[in-house]
């Protein structure tokens, strides 16, 4: 909230007010009451939370993201319908939408981060993030599971 009081503007004079993200508001004319609205803030929470690292034989759970600045959903390629598979490279497509008071405009390309992803990319000002994860592990076979060796 911005509060400014006890400023007198004479006929033809102008006052400019700069607020944190360099938005400038101009009040001009004879003494008057002005209502000033601040524009949306650029999203600054660049560490995307809650994305599960694909792990062999671990159950997949649907992921939704809800932070103070944005909401998001995650889809996987290849599609997962149970456990993550053995020896598979998974790609998460994360789609973010700005909450009221925030914008993706001004977010530079490739600045979002997803923990444990080997590559994270997105266009400037975009809420569509591609996160590629390392290959899941090979299946472990116990020697006691092979009757001739046990």
Protein backbone atom coordinates (compact mmCIF):
# COMPACT_ATOMS: atom_id res chain seq x y z
CA UNK A 1 0.00 0.00 0.00
CA UNK A 2 1.25 3.44 -0.89
CA UNK A 3 0.19 6.41 1.23
CA UNK A 4 1.20 9.95 0.37
CA UNK A 5 -0.24 12.90 2.23
CA UNK A 6 0.10 16.67 2.58
CA UNK A 7 1.42 17.35 -0.91
CA UNK A 8 0.17 20.45 -2.66
CA UNK A 9 0.14 20.58 -6.44
CA UNK A 10 -0.51 23.96 -8.00
CA UNK A 11 -2.24 24.56 -11.30
CA UNK A 12 -0.10 23.16 -14.12
CA UNK A 13 2.43 21.51 -11.81
CA UNK A 14 3.14 17.79 -11.93
CA UNK A 15 4.34 15.22 -9.40
CA UNK A 16 5.81 11.89 -10.51
CA UNK A 17 6.01 8.97 -8.10
CA UNK A 18 8.30 6.00 -8.78
CA UNK A 19 7.55 2.74 -7.01
CA UNK A 20 9.87 -0.28 -6.53
CA UNK A 21 9.50 -1.89 -9.95
CA UNK A 22 9.99 1.42 -11.76
CA UNK A 23 6.36 2.04 -12.58
CA UNK A 24 5.88 5.82 -12.60
CA UNK A 25 2.55 7.41 -11.67
CA UNK A 26 1.84 11.01 -12.58
CA UNK A 27 -0.52 13.32 -10.72
CA UNK A 28 -1.09 16.72 -12.28
CA UNK A 29 -3.43 19.70 -12.21
CA UNK A 30 -4.91 21.65 -9.39
CA UNK A 31 -5.10 20.14 -5.89
CA UNK A 32 -6.95 16.84 -6.16
CA UNK A 33 -7.36 13.41 -4.68
CA UNK A 34 -5.63 10.73 -6.74
CA UNK A 35 -5.96 6.98 -6.40
CA UNK A 36 -2.73 5.20 -7.34
CA UNK A 37 -2.61 1.50 -8.21
CA UNK A 38 0.59 -0.47 -8.32
CA UNK A 39 1.01 -2.84 -11.25
CA UNK A 40 1.62 -6.57 -10.88
CA UNK A 41 4.98 -7.69 -9.52
CA UNK A 42 7.20 -9.98 -11.56
CA UNK A 43 7.31 -13.51 -10.16
CA UNK A 44 10.47 -13.90 -8.06
CA UNK A 45 9.94 -17.41 -6.64
CA UNK A 46 12.10 -19.18 -9.21
CA UNK A 47 12.66 -22.47 -7.33
CA UNK A 48 9.62 -24.53 -8.41
CA UNK A 49 8.58 -26.60 -5.37
CA UNK A 50 7.08 -30.05 -5.04
CA UNK A 51 8.24 -31.85 -8.19
CA UNK A 52 8.97 -35.49 -7.31
CA UNK A 53 12.20 -36.87 -8.75
CA UNK A 54 11.36 -39.87 -10.96
CA UNK A 55 12.69 -42.92 -9.12
CA UNK A 56 12.56 -46.51 -10.34
CA UNK A 57 9.66 -48.52 -8.87
CA UNK A 58 8.32 -45.54 -6.88
CA UNK A 59 4.65 -44.70 -7.33
CA UNK A 60 3.84 -41.62 -9.33
CA UNK A 61 1.52 -39.10 -7.67
CA UNK A 62 -0.17 -36.21 -9.46
CA UNK A 63 1.50 -32.91 -8.67
CA UNK A 64 -0.13 -29.52 -8.30
CA UNK A 65 1.85 -26.47 -7.30
CA UNK A 66 0.43 -23.70 -5.11
CA UNK A 67 2.72 -20.89 -3.96
CA UNK A 68 2.06 -17.29 -2.94
CA UNK A 69 2.94 -16.17 -6.48
CA UNK A 70 1.67 -18.88 -8.84
CA UNK A 71 -0.32 -22.08 -9.36
CA UNK A 72 0.88 -24.94 -11.53
CA UNK A 73 0.33 -28.43 -12.86
CA UNK A 74 2.80 -31.09 -14.01
CA UNK A 75 2.53 -33.62 -16.82
CA UNK A 76 5.09 -36.35 -17.54
CA UNK A 77 6.56 -37.74 -20.74
CA UNK A 78 6.50 -40.63 -21.18
CA UNK A 79 3.19 -40.84 -19.36
CA UNK A 80 3.24 -42.53 -15.95
CA UNK A 81 0.36 -44.71 -14.74
CA UNK A 82 1.70 -46.39 -11.63
CA UNK A 83 5.38 -46.58 -10.80
CA UNK A 84 8.18 -44.81 -12.61
CA UNK A 85 9.88 -47.31 -14.96
CA UNK A 86 13.42 -48.68 -14.90
CA UNK A 87 16.10 -47.05 -17.07
CA UNK A 88 13.86 -44.22 -18.29
CA UNK A 89 14.54 -40.53 -18.83
CA UNK A 90 11.45 -38.54 -17.82
CA UNK A 91 10.50 -35.02 -18.86
CA UNK A 92 8.17 -32.93 -16.72
CA UNK A 93 6.20 -30.18 -18.44
CA UNK A 94 5.27 -27.71 -15.73
CA UNK A 95 2.62 -25.12 -16.57
CA UNK A 96 2.48 -22.14 -14.21
CA UNK A 97 -0.11 -19.38 -14.00
CA UNK A 98 0.48 -16.16 -12.08
CA UNK A 99 -1.76 -15.38 -9.12
CA UNK A 100 -3.43 -11.99 -8.72
CA UNK A 101 -0.82 -9.28 -8.20
CA UNK A 102 1.93 -11.22 -10.03
CA UNK A 103 3.01 -11.60 -13.63
CA UNK A 104 5.36 -13.79 -15.65
CA UNK A 105 6.24 -10.75 -17.74
CA UNK A 106 9.81 -9.83 -16.85
CA UNK A 107 10.90 -13.38 -15.93
CA UNK A 108 14.06 -14.06 -17.95
CA UNK A 109 14.47 -17.22 -20.03
CA UNK A 110 15.75 -20.31 -18.22
CA UNK A 111 15.70 -18.82 -14.72
CA UNK A 112 13.25 -21.23 -13.09
CA UNK A 113 14.90 -24.12 -11.25
CA UNK A 114 13.57 -27.61 -10.54
CA UNK A 115 15.47 -29.64 -7.93
CA UNK A 116 17.34 -32.68 -9.29
CA UNK A 117 16.48 -31.96 -12.93
CA UNK A 118 19.47 -32.20 -15.25
CA UNK A 119 18.07 -29.57 -17.65
CA UNK A 120 15.42 -26.87 -17.09
CA UNK A 121 14.29 -24.59 -19.91
CA UNK A 122 11.58 -22.02 -20.59
CA UNK A 123 11.10 -18.95 -22.76
CA UNK A 124 11.24 -15.44 -21.32
CA UNK A 125 7.91 -14.46 -19.78
CA UNK A 126 6.58 -18.00 -20.16
CA UNK A 127 5.04 -20.22 -17.52
CA UNK A 128 5.65 -23.41 -19.51
CA UNK A 129 8.78 -25.07 -18.12
CA UNK A 130 10.46 -28.23 -19.42
CA UNK A 131 12.47 -30.18 -16.82
CA UNK A 132 14.44 -33.24 -17.91
CA UNK A 133 15.47 -35.69 -15.20
CA UNK A 134 18.35 -38.18 -15.18
CA UNK A 135 17.64 -41.77 -16.19
CA UNK A 136 16.02 -43.88 -13.49
CA UNK A 137 18.03 -46.81 -12.10
CA UNK A 138 18.21 -50.32 -13.52
CA UNK A 139 16.12 -53.01 -11.91
CA UNK A 140 17.95 -54.73 -9.04
CA UNK A 141 17.93 -58.52 -9.15
CA UNK A 142 18.70 -60.41 -5.97
CA UNK A 143 20.92 -63.48 -6.32
CA UNK A 144 18.53 -65.36 -4.04
CA UNK A 145 15.80 -64.81 -6.63
CA UNK A 146 17.65 -67.13 -9.05
CA UNK A 147 17.07 -70.74 -7.82
CA UNK A 148 20.22 -72.23 -9.39
CA UNK A 149 22.44 -69.76 -7.54
CA UNK A 150 20.77 -69.71 -4.16
